[in-house]
Amino acid sequence: MELENSTTVNSKIEVVNFKTLSKDSFAELILENKVSLYRLSKSILKTEADVQDAISETIIKAYTNIHKLKAMNSFKPWIMKILVNECYSIIKKHKKIELTDDFTAYEGSYEDKTDDNLMFYVNQLKEEFKSVIILFYYDDISIKNISKILNLSEGTVKSRLSRAKVKLKVMMEENSGGDSFE
C-alpha cells in the first residue's frame, strides 16, 4: 500500500490522515493500547463484566469520533480519557441501583500476571492513588496528560503520585520486616 504524504504513528502504522484512518490501522492502535486500557479500567471498576463494557464502549466512541482527534501522538491520552469517562459512567449507573445484599465477597482487584510484586501493593491503594500510579509508571503517561485524563490539576496529580509512593513504601517496608528500599 503506497501512501502520499504519510506520517509514521508509533513506528508501526502509516496513515495519510487520522481523519481517514482505516479500520485495520485503528485496530492496530487498539491492540497496541489494550493492556493499558484493561489495566486502567480494572483499577477503577470492580467486575470483569464492567471492565469489558467500558473498554467496548470506549472503542466504539473512539472509532466514531476519531475525526475529533487533533494529533495522532495524542491518541493514547485521548482514548484513556474516553475510557475514564466510560468507567465513571458505569459507576454512576451502579449507584442508581440500590443493592440489598452484601456483595463484598465478590469484589476483586486487578492482578497483573507478570512477576511484578509491586502491583500487589498498588492494588491495595485507594482508587485515587492507584489510577495515577498505573498511568504514570505502568503506562508511561505524562503528568500533564494524566491531569487531562482524570480531570485533575497537575498539582493534584503530582501530590497523589507523591502520597502514593509514600504509602507504597510503608506497605512494602511493613511486609519486609522494616528493610529499607532506598
Protein backbone atom coordinates (compact mmCIF):
# COMPACT_ATOMS: atom_id res chain seq x y z
CA MET A 1 0.00 0.00 0.00
CA GLU A 2 1.60 3.25 -1.10
CA LEU A 3 0.58 6.47 0.64
CA GLU A 4 1.31 10.05 -0.32
CA ASN A 5 2.38 12.44 2.45
CA SER A 6 2.26 9.64 5.01
CA THR A 7 3.38 10.06 8.57
CA THR A 8 4.53 7.33 10.91
CA VAL A 9 2.47 6.72 14.03
CA ASN A 10 4.03 4.67 16.84
CA SER A 11 6.57 3.36 14.30
CA LYS A 12 4.08 0.71 13.19
CA ILE A 13 1.15 2.31 11.41
CA GLU A 14 1.34 4.58 8.43
CA VAL A 15 -1.64 6.77 7.72
CA VAL A 16 -2.31 9.68 5.41
CA ASN A 17 -4.52 11.44 7.91
CA PHE A 18 -6.02 10.30 11.20
CA LYS A 19 -9.39 11.59 9.99
CA THR A 20 -9.35 8.93 7.27
CA LEU A 21 -7.81 6.20 9.42
CA SER A 22 -8.52 2.72 8.07
CA LYS A 23 -10.26 0.12 10.21
CA ASP A 24 -7.10 -2.01 10.23
CA SER A 25 -4.93 0.90 11.37
CA PHE A 26 -7.43 1.75 14.10
CA ALA A 27 -7.48 -1.90 15.18
CA GLU A 28 -3.67 -1.86 15.41
CA LEU A 29 -3.79 1.22 17.62
CA ILE A 30 -6.29 -0.51 19.89
CA LEU A 31 -4.12 -3.63 20.06
CA GLU A 32 -1.08 -1.53 20.98
CA ASN A 33 -3.03 0.01 23.87
CA LYS A 34 -5.14 -2.96 25.00
CA VAL A 35 -3.11 -3.71 28.14
CA SER A 36 -3.16 -0.06 29.20
CA LEU A 37 -6.91 0.15 28.60
CA TYR A 38 -7.53 -3.01 30.60
CA ARG A 39 -5.21 -2.06 33.44
CA LEU A 40 -6.74 1.40 33.87
CA SER A 41 -10.34 0.23 33.66
CA LYS A 42 -9.66 -2.61 36.10
CA SER A 43 -8.16 -0.13 38.55
CA ILE A 44 -11.42 1.85 38.52
CA LEU A 45 -14.08 -0.84 38.10
CA LYS A 46 -14.62 -3.92 40.23
CA THR A 47 -16.10 -6.55 37.95
CA GLU A 48 -14.74 -8.08 34.79
CA ALA A 49 -18.07 -7.53 33.02
CA ASP A 50 -17.95 -3.80 33.76
CA VAL A 51 -14.34 -3.63 32.57
CA GLN A 52 -15.27 -5.29 29.28
CA ASP A 53 -18.29 -2.99 28.86
CA ALA A 54 -16.17 0.09 29.47
CA ILE A 55 -13.50 -0.99 27.00
CA SER A 56 -16.07 -1.89 24.35
CA GLU A 57 -17.88 1.42 24.68
CA THR A 58 -14.55 3.24 24.61
CA ILE A 59 -13.51 1.58 21.38
CA ILE A 60 -16.85 2.37 19.74
CA LYS A 61 -16.74 6.01 20.84
CA ALA A 62 -13.11 6.39 19.80
CA TYR A 63 -13.76 4.95 16.36
CA THR A 64 -16.83 7.09 15.71
CA ASN A 65 -15.07 10.24 16.97
CA ILE A 66 -11.58 9.71 15.56
CA HIS A 67 -12.10 12.77 13.37
CA LYS A 68 -12.09 14.92 16.53
CA LEU A 69 -8.57 13.86 17.42
CA LYS A 70 -6.21 16.76 16.75
CA ALA A 71 -2.91 14.87 16.60
CA MET A 72 -2.08 11.19 16.35
CA ASN A 73 0.55 11.39 19.08
CA SER A 74 -2.34 12.28 21.40
CA PHE A 75 -4.20 9.04 20.64
CA LYS A 76 -3.30 7.22 23.88
CA PRO A 77 -4.20 10.06 26.27
CA TRP A 78 -7.33 10.74 24.21
CA ILE A 79 -8.60 7.14 24.33
CA MET A 80 -7.65 6.82 28.01
CA LYS A 81 -9.76 9.92 28.74
CA ILE A 82 -12.71 8.32 26.94
CA LEU A 83 -12.14 5.15 28.99
CA VAL A 84 -12.09 7.01 32.31
CA ASN A 85 -15.36 8.74 31.40
CA GLU A 86 -16.92 5.38 30.49
CA CYS A 87 -15.76 3.83 33.76
CA TYR A 88 -17.26 6.64 35.81
CA SER A 89 -20.44 6.43 33.77
CA ILE A 90 -20.74 2.75 34.67
CA ILE A 91 -20.11 3.55 38.34
CA LYS A 92 -22.87 6.19 38.25
CA LYS A 93 -25.28 3.67 36.76
CA HIS A 94 -24.48 1.18 39.52
CA LYS A 95 -25.02 3.80 42.20
CA LYS A 96 -28.54 4.32 40.92
CA ILE A 97 -29.28 0.65 41.57
CA GLU A 98 -29.85 0.00 45.25
CA LEU A 99 -28.46 -3.35 46.32
CA THR A 100 -29.83 -5.00 49.40
CA ASP A 101 -27.38 -7.91 49.62
CA ASP A 102 -23.77 -7.71 50.71
CA PHE A 103 -21.60 -8.25 47.65
CA THR A 104 -18.22 -7.53 49.27
CA ALA A 105 -17.21 -11.17 48.82
CA TYR A 106 -17.35 -10.64 45.05
CA GLU A 107 -15.12 -7.55 44.95
CA GLY A 108 -11.73 -8.03 43.37
CA SER A 109 -8.67 -6.19 42.29
CA TYR A 110 -6.62 -6.22 39.13
CA GLU A 111 -3.86 -8.78 39.17
CA ASP A 112 -1.08 -8.40 36.66
CA LYS A 113 0.07 -11.84 35.56
CA THR A 114 3.72 -10.74 35.37
CA ASP A 115 6.12 -11.29 38.24
CA ASP A 116 5.52 -7.74 39.43
CA ASN A 117 5.26 -7.83 43.23
CA LEU A 118 4.77 -4.08 43.28
CA MET A 119 1.37 -4.46 41.56
CA PHE A 120 0.21 -6.43 44.62
CA TYR A 121 0.77 -3.32 46.73
CA VAL A 122 -0.57 -0.94 44.07
CA ASN A 123 -3.84 -2.89 44.09
CA GLN A 124 -4.19 -2.22 47.81
CA LEU A 125 -4.15 1.56 47.31
CA LYS A 126 -7.33 3.64 47.13
CA GLU A 127 -8.54 4.26 43.58
CA GLU A 128 -7.37 7.89 43.55
CA PHE A 129 -3.78 6.76 44.13
CA LYS A 130 -3.93 3.55 42.11
CA SER A 131 -5.03 5.32 38.91
CA VAL A 132 -2.20 7.86 38.92
CA ILE A 133 0.44 5.23 39.74
CA ILE A 134 -0.76 2.95 36.93
CA LEU A 135 -0.99 5.74 34.38
CA PHE A 136 2.38 7.26 35.29
CA TYR A 137 4.59 4.25 35.97
CA TYR A 138 2.95 1.39 34.10
CA ASP A 139 1.54 3.24 31.07
CA ASP A 140 4.26 5.92 30.90
CA ILE A 141 1.78 8.81 30.55
CA SER A 142 2.95 12.31 31.43
CA ILE A 143 1.61 14.24 34.43
CA LYS A 144 0.09 16.77 32.05
CA ASN A 145 -1.83 14.05 30.18
CA ILE A 146 -2.84 12.29 33.41
CA SER A 147 -4.34 15.55 34.61
CA LYS A 148 -6.38 15.74 31.41
CA ILE A 149 -7.42 12.08 31.57
CA LEU A 150 -8.57 12.25 35.20
CA ASN A 151 -9.84 15.86 35.14
CA LEU A 152 -7.41 16.89 37.88
CA SER A 153 -4.92 19.71 38.15
CA GLU A 154 -1.28 18.84 37.51
CA GLY A 155 -0.54 19.73 41.13
CA THR A 156 -3.13 17.23 42.35
CA VAL A 157 -1.63 14.52 40.13
CA LYS A 158 1.86 15.26 41.48
CA SER A 159 0.55 15.24 45.04
CA ARG A 160 -1.25 11.92 44.56
CA LEU A 161 1.83 10.38 42.98
CA SER A 162 3.96 11.52 45.88
CA ARG A 163 1.48 10.34 48.52
CA ALA A 164 1.01 7.01 46.71
CA LYS A 165 4.77 6.41 46.65
CA VAL A 166 4.97 7.06 50.38
CA LYS A 167 2.06 4.68 51.02
CA LEU A 168 3.64 2.00 48.82
CA LYS A 169 6.97 2.35 50.59
CA VAL A 170 5.32 2.00 54.01
CA MET A 171 3.34 -1.07 52.91
CA MET A 172 6.42 -2.71 51.44
CA GLU A 173 8.57 -1.96 54.49
CA GLU A 174 5.91 -3.33 56.83
CA ASN A 175 5.77 -6.58 54.88
CA SER A 176 9.54 -6.95 54.56
CA GLY A 177 10.26 -6.60 58.25
CA GLY A 178 11.44 -2.99 58.06
CA ASP A 179 14.14 -3.37 55.40
CA SER A 180 14.80 -0.16 53.54
CA PHE A 181 14.15 0.01 49.79
CA GLU A 182 16.35 3.01 49.02
